[in-house]
C-alpha atoms as a PDB file:
ATOM      1  CA  MET A   1      74.178 -64.999 148.667  1.00  0.00           C
ATOM      2  CA  GLY A   2      76.876 -64.942 145.897  1.00  0.00           C
ATOM      3  CA  ASP A   3      77.290 -61.788 143.761  1.00  0.00           C
ATOM      4  CA  ASP A   4      74.295 -61.875 141.319  1.00  0.00           C
ATOM      5  CA  ARG A   5      76.922 -60.425 138.399  1.00  0.00           C
ATOM      6  CA  LEU A   6      78.104 -63.881 138.250  1.00  0.00           C
ATOM      7  CA  ILE A   7      76.209 -66.296 136.395  1.00  0.00           C
ATOM      8  CA  VAL A   8      77.342 -69.814 136.418  1.00  0.00           C
ATOM      9  CA  ALA A   9      76.382 -72.005 133.383  1.00  0.00           C
ATOM     10  CA  LEU A  10      75.330 -75.287 134.343  1.00  0.00           C
ATOM     11  CA  ASP A  11      76.515 -77.226 131.087  1.00  0.00           C
ATOM     12  CA  VAL A  12      76.234 -80.580 132.566  1.00  0.00           C
ATOM     13  CA  PRO A  13      74.498 -83.543 131.222  1.00  0.00           C
ATOM     14  CA  ASN A  14      71.508 -83.671 133.204  1.00  0.00           C
ATOM     15  CA  ALA A  15      69.449 -82.218 136.057  1.00  0.00           C
ATOM     16  CA  LEU A  16      70.884 -84.565 138.691  1.00  0.00           C
ATOM     17  CA  GLU A  17      74.418 -83.414 138.033  1.00  0.00           C
ATOM     18  CA  GLY A  18      73.185 -79.786 137.832  1.00  0.00           C
ATOM     19  CA  LEU A  19      71.746 -80.072 141.188  1.00  0.00           C
ATOM     20  CA  GLU A  20      74.868 -81.804 142.875  1.00  0.00           C
ATOM     21  CA  LEU A  21      76.858 -78.767 141.352  1.00  0.00           C
ATOM     22  CA  ALA A  22      75.014 -76.091 142.872  1.00  0.00           C
ATOM     23  CA  GLY A  23      74.679 -78.103 146.124  1.00  0.00           C
ATOM     24  CA  ARG A  24      78.700 -77.965 146.106  1.00  0.00           C
ATOM     25  CA  LEU A  25      78.597 -74.112 144.916  1.00  0.00           C
ATOM     26  CA  GLY A  26      76.086 -73.429 148.012  1.00  0.00           C
ATOM     27  CA  ASP A  27      75.797 -69.778 148.502  1.00  0.00           C
ATOM     28  CA  ALA A  28      78.717 -68.649 146.799  1.00  0.00           C
ATOM     29  CA  VAL A  29      76.440 -68.518 143.381  1.00  0.00           C
ATOM     30  CA  SER A  30      73.021 -67.051 143.113  1.00  0.00           C
ATOM     31  CA  PHE A  31      72.536 -67.101 139.460  1.00  0.00           C
ATOM     32  CA  TYR A  32      72.321 -70.119 137.148  1.00  0.00           C
ATOM     33  CA  LYS A  33      72.094 -70.329 133.300  1.00  0.00           C
ATOM     34  CA  ILE A  34      70.452 -73.345 132.099  1.00  0.00           C
ATOM     35  CA  GLY A  35      70.749 -73.779 128.407  1.00  0.00           C
ATOM     36  CA  LEU A  36      69.794 -76.158 125.300  1.00  0.00           C
ATOM     37  CA  GLY A  37      72.483 -78.746 126.318  1.00  0.00           C
ATOM     38  CA  MET A  38      70.275 -79.770 129.280  1.00  0.00           C
ATOM     39  CA  LEU A  39      66.933 -79.440 127.645  1.00  0.00           C
ATOM     40  CA  THR A  40      66.430 -82.973 127.236  1.00  0.00           C
ATOM     41  CA  GLY A  41      68.061 -83.870 130.614  1.00  0.00           C
ATOM     42  CA  GLY A  42      65.474 -82.180 132.782  1.00  0.00           C
ATOM     43  CA  GLY A  43      66.795 -78.591 132.249  1.00  0.00           C
ATOM     44  CA  LEU A  44      63.309 -76.986 133.018  1.00  0.00           C
ATOM     45  CA  ALA A  45      62.622 -79.019 136.182  1.00  0.00           C
ATOM     46  CA  LEU A  46      65.948 -77.970 137.549  1.00  0.00           C
ATOM     47  CA  ALA A  47      65.489 -74.383 136.948  1.00  0.00           C
ATOM     48  CA  ASN A  48      62.170 -74.541 138.796  1.00  0.00           C
ATOM     49  CA  GLU A  49      63.600 -76.396 141.681  1.00  0.00           C
ATOM     50  CA  LEU A  50      66.553 -73.865 141.948  1.00  0.00           C
ATOM     51  CA  LYS A  51      64.301 -70.995 141.619  1.00  0.00           C
ATOM     52  CA  GLY A  52      61.464 -72.351 143.854  1.00  0.00           C
ATOM     53  CA  GLU A  53      63.263 -74.473 146.369  1.00  0.00           C
ATOM     54  CA  HIS A  54      66.613 -73.042 146.702  1.00  0.00           C
ATOM     55  CA  GLY A  55      65.510 -69.299 145.920  1.00  0.00           C
ATOM     56  CA  LYS A  56      68.196 -68.894 142.926  1.00  0.00           C
ATOM     57  CA  ARG A  57      67.926 -66.548 140.046  1.00  0.00           C
ATOM     58  CA  ILE A  58      67.525 -68.393 136.752  1.00  0.00           C
ATOM     59  CA  PHE A  59      68.604 -67.584 133.119  1.00  0.00           C
ATOM     60  CA  LEU A  60      66.845 -69.490 130.470  1.00  0.00           C
ATOM     61  CA  ASP A  61      69.360 -69.506 127.527  1.00  0.00           C
ATOM     62  CA  MET A  62      67.050 -71.020 124.818  1.00  0.00           C
ATOM     63  CA  LYS A  63      68.006 -68.606 121.970  1.00  0.00           C
ATOM     64  CA  LEU A  64      64.477 -68.995 120.451  1.00  0.00           C
ATOM     65  CA  PHE A  65      63.999 -68.150 116.706  1.00  0.00           C
ATOM     66  CA  ASP A  66      60.959 -68.786 114.782  1.00  0.00           C
ATOM     67  CA  ILE A  67      57.900 -66.867 113.481  1.00  0.00           C
ATOM     68  CA  GLY A  68      56.321 -64.325 115.704  1.00  0.00           C
ATOM     69  CA  ALA A  69      53.273 -66.007 116.834  1.00  0.00           C
ATOM     70  CA  THR A  70      55.544 -69.438 117.661  1.00  0.00           C
ATOM     71  CA  VAL A  71      57.916 -67.069 119.716  1.00  0.00           C
ATOM     72  CA  GLU A  72      55.213 -65.430 121.500  1.00  0.00           C
ATOM     73  CA  ALA A  73      53.689 -68.480 122.396  1.00  0.00           C
ATOM     74  CA  ALA A  74      56.817 -70.210 123.725  1.00  0.00           C
ATOM     75  CA  VAL A  75      57.539 -66.977 125.654  1.00  0.00           C
ATOM     76  CA  ARG A  76      54.431 -66.921 127.345  1.00  0.00           C
ATOM     77  CA  GLY A  77      54.633 -70.802 128.487  1.00  0.00           C
ATOM     78  CA  LEU A  78      57.946 -69.976 129.991  1.00  0.00           C
ATOM     79  CA  ALA A  79      57.136 -66.647 131.801  1.00  0.00           C
ATOM     80  CA  GLN A  80      54.704 -68.342 134.016  1.00  0.00           C
ATOM     81  CA  PHE A  81      57.605 -70.205 135.906  1.00  0.00           C
ATOM     82  CA  GLY A  82      58.857 -66.597 137.145  1.00  0.00           C
ATOM     83  CA  HIS A  83      62.325 -67.068 135.870  1.00  0.00           C
ATOM     84  CA  ASP A  84      64.715 -64.183 135.431  1.00  0.00           C
ATOM     85  CA  PHE A  85      66.208 -63.772 131.973  1.00  0.00           C
ATOM     86  CA  LEU A  86      65.285 -65.566 128.761  1.00  0.00           C
ATOM     87  CA  THR A  87      67.274 -65.421 125.389  1.00  0.00           C
ATOM     88  CA  VAL A  88      66.031 -64.905 121.834  1.00  0.00           C
ATOM     89  CA  HIS A  89      67.778 -64.151 118.443  1.00  0.00           C
ATOM     90  CA  GLY A  90      68.099 -60.581 117.973  1.00  0.00           C
ATOM     91  CA  ASP A  91      66.120 -60.187 114.985  1.00  0.00           C
ATOM     92  CA  PRO A  92      63.461 -57.330 115.464  1.00  0.00           C
ATOM     93  CA  HIS A  93      60.544 -59.558 114.540  1.00  0.00           C
ATOM     94  CA  VAL A  94      61.610 -62.256 117.393  1.00  0.00           C
ATOM     95  CA  VAL A  95      62.197 -59.584 119.966  1.00  0.00           C
ATOM     96  CA  ARG A  96      58.746 -57.941 119.446  1.00  0.00           C
ATOM     97  CA  ALA A  97      56.972 -61.208 119.675  1.00  0.00           C
ATOM     98  CA  ALA A  98      59.141 -62.228 122.899  1.00  0.00           C
ATOM     99  CA  ARG A  99      58.002 -58.845 124.454  1.00  0.00           C
ATOM    100  CA  GLU A 100      54.468 -59.559 123.752  1.00  0.00           C
ATOM    101  CA  GLY A 101      54.729 -63.118 125.205  1.00  0.00           C
ATOM    102  CA  ALA A 102      56.506 -61.955 128.212  1.00  0.00           C
ATOM    103  CA  GLY A 103      53.647 -59.579 128.938  1.00  0.00           C
ATOM    104  CA  GLY A 104      53.547 -58.236 132.336  1.00  0.00           C
ATOM    105  CA  SER A 105      56.021 -60.852 133.863  1.00  0.00           C
ATOM    106  CA  GLU A 106      59.408 -59.798 135.234  1.00  0.00           C
ATOM    107  CA  MET A 107      61.625 -61.935 132.961  1.00  0.00           C
ATOM    108  CA  LYS A 108      63.865 -60.085 130.989  1.00  0.00           C
ATOM    109  CA  ILE A 109      64.086 -60.621 127.265  1.00  0.00           C
ATOM    110  CA  LEU A 110      67.699 -60.636 126.189  1.00  0.00           C
ATOM    111  CA  ALA A 111      68.768 -60.501 122.583  1.00  0.00           C
ATOM    112  CA  VAL A 112      71.368 -62.712 121.194  1.00  0.00           C
ATOM    113  CA  THR A 113      73.574 -60.558 118.669  1.00  0.00           C
ATOM    114  CA  ILE A 114      76.425 -62.635 117.285  1.00  0.00           C
ATOM    115  CA  LEU A 115      77.496 -65.939 118.990  1.00  0.00           C
ATOM    116  CA  THR A 116      80.810 -65.619 120.836  1.00  0.00           C
ATOM    117  CA  SER A 117      82.120 -68.593 119.126  1.00  0.00           C
ATOM    118  CA  LEU A 118      81.792 -66.994 115.556  1.00  0.00           C
ATOM    119  CA  ASP A 119      84.360 -65.236 113.467  1.00  0.00           C
ATOM    120  CA  ARG A 120      84.456 -63.401 110.272  1.00  0.00           C
ATOM    121  CA  GLY A 121      84.830 -66.809 108.526  1.00  0.00           C
ATOM    122  CA  ASP A 122      81.705 -68.291 110.146  1.00  0.00           C
ATOM    123  CA  LEU A 123      79.954 -65.292 109.163  1.00  0.00           C
ATOM    124  CA  ASP A 124      81.076 -65.446 105.521  1.00  0.00           C
ATOM    125  CA  ALA A 125      79.894 -69.143 105.513  1.00  0.00           C
ATOM    126  CA  SER A 126      76.502 -68.248 106.959  1.00  0.00           C
ATOM    127  CA  LEU A 127      75.962 -65.348 104.142  1.00  0.00           C
ATOM    128  CA  ILE A 128      76.149 -62.722 106.914  1.00  0.00           C
ATOM    129  CA  LYS A 129      76.829 -59.262 105.419  1.00  0.00           C
ATOM    130  CA  ASP A 130      79.992 -57.743 105.178  1.00  0.00           C
ATOM    131  CA  GLY A 131      81.798 -55.981 108.009  1.00  0.00           C
ATOM    132  CA  ALA A 132      83.589 -56.745 111.195  1.00  0.00           C
ATOM    133  CA  PRO A 133      81.903 -58.908 113.598  1.00  0.00           C
ATOM    134  CA  ALA A 134      82.292 -56.355 116.538  1.00  0.00           C
ATOM    135  CA  ASP A 135      80.474 -53.658 114.256  1.00  0.00           C
ATOM    136  CA  LEU A 136      77.827 -55.930 113.327  1.00  0.00           C
ATOM    137  CA  VAL A 137      77.251 -56.913 117.285  1.00  0.00           C
ATOM    138  CA  VAL A 138      76.601 -53.243 117.930  1.00  0.00           C
ATOM    139  CA  GLU A 139      74.336 -52.854 114.949  1.00  0.00           C
ATOM    140  CA  ARG A 140      72.226 -55.727 115.865  1.00  0.00           C
ATOM    141  CA  ALA A 141      72.337 -54.964 119.727  1.00  0.00           C
ATOM    142  CA  ALA A 142      70.821 -51.230 118.603  1.00  0.00           C
ATOM    143  CA  ARG A 143      68.028 -52.812 116.595  1.00  0.00           C
ATOM    144  CA  ALA A 144      66.956 -55.433 119.250  1.00  0.00           C
ATOM    145  CA  LEU A 145      66.979 -52.810 121.862  1.00  0.00           C
ATOM    146  CA  GLU A 146      64.791 -50.669 119.575  1.00  0.00           C
ATOM    147  CA  ALA A 147      62.606 -53.518 119.237  1.00  0.00           C
ATOM    148  CA  GLY A 148      62.127 -53.797 122.938  1.00  0.00           C
ATOM    149  CA  ALA A 149      64.515 -56.071 124.316  1.00  0.00           C
ATOM    150  CA  ASP A 150      65.347 -55.507 128.164  1.00  0.00           C
ATOM    151  CA  GLY A 151      69.255 -56.361 127.107  1.00  0.00           C
ATOM    152  CA  VAL A 152      71.668 -58.006 124.954  1.00  0.00           C
ATOM    153  CA  ILE A 153      74.156 -60.794 124.968  1.00  0.00           C
ATOM    154  CA  ALA A 154      77.427 -59.777 123.458  1.00  0.00           C
ATOM    155  CA  SER A 155      81.137 -60.826 123.995  1.00  0.00           C
ATOM    156  CA  PRO A 156      83.239 -58.453 126.319  1.00  0.00           C
ATOM    157  CA  GLN A 157      85.108 -56.859 123.490  1.00  0.00           C
ATOM    158  CA  GLU A 158      81.588 -55.255 122.195  1.00  0.00           C
ATOM    159  CA  ALA A 159      80.437 -54.518 125.617  1.00  0.00           C
ATOM    160  CA  ALA A 160      81.887 -50.891 125.724  1.00  0.00           C
ATOM    161  CA  ALA A 161      80.560 -50.044 122.455  1.00  0.00           C
ATOM    162  CA  ILE A 162      77.041 -51.156 123.181  1.00  0.00           C
ATOM    163  CA  ARG A 163      77.091 -49.596 126.784  1.00  0.00           C
ATOM    164  CA  ALA A 164      77.816 -46.131 124.496  1.00  0.00           C
ATOM    165  CA  LEU A 165      74.489 -46.759 122.359  1.00  0.00           C
ATOM    166  CA  PRO A 166      71.697 -44.244 123.293  1.00  0.00           C
ATOM    167  CA  GLU A 167      69.459 -47.226 123.272  1.00  0.00           C
ATOM    168  CA  SER A 168      71.424 -49.118 125.864  1.00  0.00           C
ATOM    169  CA  GLU A 169      70.518 -46.729 128.501  1.00  0.00           C
ATOM    170  CA  GLY A 170      68.755 -48.649 131.502  1.00  0.00           C
ATOM    171  CA  ARG A 171      69.184 -51.817 129.535  1.00  0.00           C
ATOM    172  CA  LEU A 172      71.336 -55.210 130.349  1.00  0.00           C
ATOM    173  CA  ILE A 173      74.406 -56.432 128.753  1.00  0.00           C
ATOM    174  CA  VAL A 174      75.239 -59.844 129.458  1.00  0.00           C
ATOM    175  CA  THR A 175      78.526 -61.347 128.646  1.00  0.00           C
ATOM    176  CA  PRO A 176      79.539 -65.004 127.747  1.00  0.00           C
ATOM    177  CA  GLY A 177      83.068 -65.787 126.788  1.00  0.00           C
ATOM    178  CA  VAL A 178      84.558 -64.612 130.031  1.00  0.00           C
ATOM    179  CA  ARG A 179      87.698 -66.635 131.123  1.00  0.00           C
ATOM    180  CA  PRO A 180      89.517 -66.049 134.561  1.00  0.00           C
ATOM    181  CA  ALA A 181      93.164 -65.426 133.870  1.00  0.00           C
ATOM    182  CA  GLY A 182      94.911 -68.672 132.868  1.00  0.00           C
ATOM    183  CA  ALA A 183      91.894 -70.467 132.026  1.00  0.00           C
ATOM    184  CA  GLU A 184      91.526 -72.452 128.736  1.00  0.00           C
ATOM    185  CA  LEU A 185      89.795 -70.551 125.950  1.00  0.00           C
ATOM    186  CA  GLY A 186      87.715 -73.538 124.967  1.00  0.00           C
ATOM    187  CA  ASP A 187      85.325 -72.874 121.908  1.00  0.00           C
ATOM    188  CA  GLN A 188      85.231 -69.118 122.331  1.00  0.00           C
ATOM    189  CA  LYS A 189      87.048 -66.713 120.180  1.00  0.00           C
ATOM    190  CA  ARG A 190      86.304 -63.353 121.692  1.00  0.00           C
ATOM    191  CA  VAL A 191      87.018 -63.644 125.477  1.00  0.00           C
ATOM    192  CA  ALA A 192      87.856 -61.150 128.428  1.00  0.00           C
ATOM    193  CA  THR A 193      88.409 -61.779 131.815  1.00  0.00           C
ATOM    194  CA  PRO A 194      85.741 -61.108 134.533  1.00  0.00           C
ATOM    195  CA  ALA A 195      86.987 -57.535 135.644  1.00  0.00           C
ATOM    196  CA  GLN A 196      87.490 -56.539 131.905  1.00  0.00           C
ATOM    197  CA  ALA A 197      83.973 -57.613 131.323  1.00  0.00           C
ATOM    198  CA  ILE A 198      82.385 -55.406 134.092  1.00  0.00           C
ATOM    199  CA  ALA A 199      84.904 -52.440 133.385  1.00  0.00           C
ATOM    200  CA  ALA A 200      83.617 -52.595 129.712  1.00  0.00           C
ATOM    201  CA  GLY A 201      80.040 -52.171 130.773  1.00  0.00           C
ATOM    202  CA  ALA A 202      78.715 -55.681 131.267  1.00  0.00           C
ATOM    203  CA  ASP A 203      76.072 -55.939 134.129  1.00  0.00           C
ATOM    204  CA  HIS A 204      76.448 -59.879 134.406  1.00  0.00           C
ATOM    205  CA  ILE A 205      79.064 -62.341 133.099  1.00  0.00           C
ATOM    206  CA  VAL A 206      78.497 -66.106 132.418  1.00  0.00           C
ATOM    207  CA  VAL A 207      81.108 -68.520 133.335  1.00  0.00           C
ATOM    208  CA  GLY A 208      80.752 -72.104 132.976  1.00  0.00           C
ATOM    209  CA  ARG A 209      83.796 -74.564 132.412  1.00  0.00           C
ATOM    210  CA  PRO A 210      86.247 -72.590 134.697  1.00  0.00           C
ATOM    211  CA  VAL A 211      83.884 -73.204 137.572  1.00  0.00           C
ATOM    212  CA  HIS A 212      82.377 -76.654 137.067  1.00  0.00           C
ATOM    213  CA  ARG A 213      85.583 -78.025 136.029  1.00  0.00           C
ATOM    214  CA  ALA A 214      87.978 -76.657 138.670  1.00  0.00           C
ATOM    215  CA  PRO A 215      88.737 -78.890 141.436  1.00  0.00           C
ATOM    216  CA  SER A 216      86.934 -76.965 143.812  1.00  0.00           C
ATOM    217  CA  PRO A 217      84.080 -75.188 142.107  1.00  0.00           C
ATOM    218  CA  ARG A 218      83.302 -73.015 145.189  1.00  0.00           C
ATOM    219  CA  ALA A 219      86.625 -71.942 145.640  1.00  0.00           C
ATOM    220  CA  ALA A 220      86.756 -70.998 141.614  1.00  0.00           C
ATOM    221  CA  ALA A 221      83.387 -69.175 141.950  1.00  0.00           C
ATOM    222  CA  GLU A 222      84.557 -67.233 145.025  1.00  0.00           C
ATOM    223  CA  ALA A 223      87.896 -66.167 143.320  1.00  0.00           C
ATOM    224  CA  ILE A 224      85.682 -64.730 140.499  1.00  0.00           C
ATOM    225  CA  VAL A 225      83.596 -63.004 142.886  1.00  0.00           C
ATOM    226  CA  SER A 226      86.588 -61.254 144.458  1.00  0.00           C
ATOM    227  CA  GLU A 227      87.794 -60.261 140.932  1.00  0.00           C
ATOM    228  CA  LEU A 228      84.420 -58.459 140.440  1.00  0.00           C
ATOM    229  CA  LEU A 229      84.858 -56.726 143.735  1.00  0.00           C
ATOM    230  CA  SER A 230      88.494 -55.566 142.591  1.00  0.00           C
ATOM    231  CA  VAL A 231      89.301 -52.119 141.610  1.00  0.00           C
ATOM    232  CA  GLN A 232      89.955 -53.536 137.880  1.00  0.00           C
ATOM    233  CA  ALA A 233      86.206 -54.222 137.654  1.00  0.00           C
ATOM    234  CA  VAL A 234      85.296 -50.693 138.284  1.00  0.00           C
ATOM    235  CA  ARG A 235      83.963 -48.799 135.058  1.00  0.00           C
ATOM    236  CA  PRO A 236      85.951 -45.899 134.015  1.00  0.00           C
ATOM    237  CA  ASN A 237      82.686 -43.549 134.223  1.00  0.00           C
ATOM    238  CA  GLY A 238      82.133 -44.963 137.623  1.00  0.00           C
END
């Protein structure tokens, strides 16, 4: 099986294409992310098939946000399928409700801090308080972890600062916005290579287009795993 520090985002239109891509990747990849983009294309059915019939780990990237009772009910419903990770927005009331909904299941609740596609101009337009995005990410991460999140989603640039928080001990850091050297940035604005992300403190990296748009997705995934095993991916503190 592949190194589960690599999570491949199945950002394709529907479950059939997702299953075909997973078939091409084979045992090179053991962990998949399925998000809102495929929700109406059979995403939950694909998640269940990959988990139940192929033994893959599943990250449901739903970024839930609502009043507490609704979040709790939604998470309780999703937890029954036995998937591994679920994202919610990092607001403390959302995180607390999600933890209640997850109950005694093994599903980890991961809090979204600030989307990796956003910069300070985007935050100004959304009336988010002043401050550098990196500082706000760390502050939101600390509050989400205090509220009971099992981990956070953050860009590679903030991973080291979050890992240094007392609240992050024993918690997960998952980083989107990861691009192998030479890959196009796409819509991400805060990026790093796989080795840089792991060295900075990330437990898992999420990679989408550089894998599924590659001439050989399997070869692309294997190259990323090789980078994760390189000396450049070793954390300074071991």
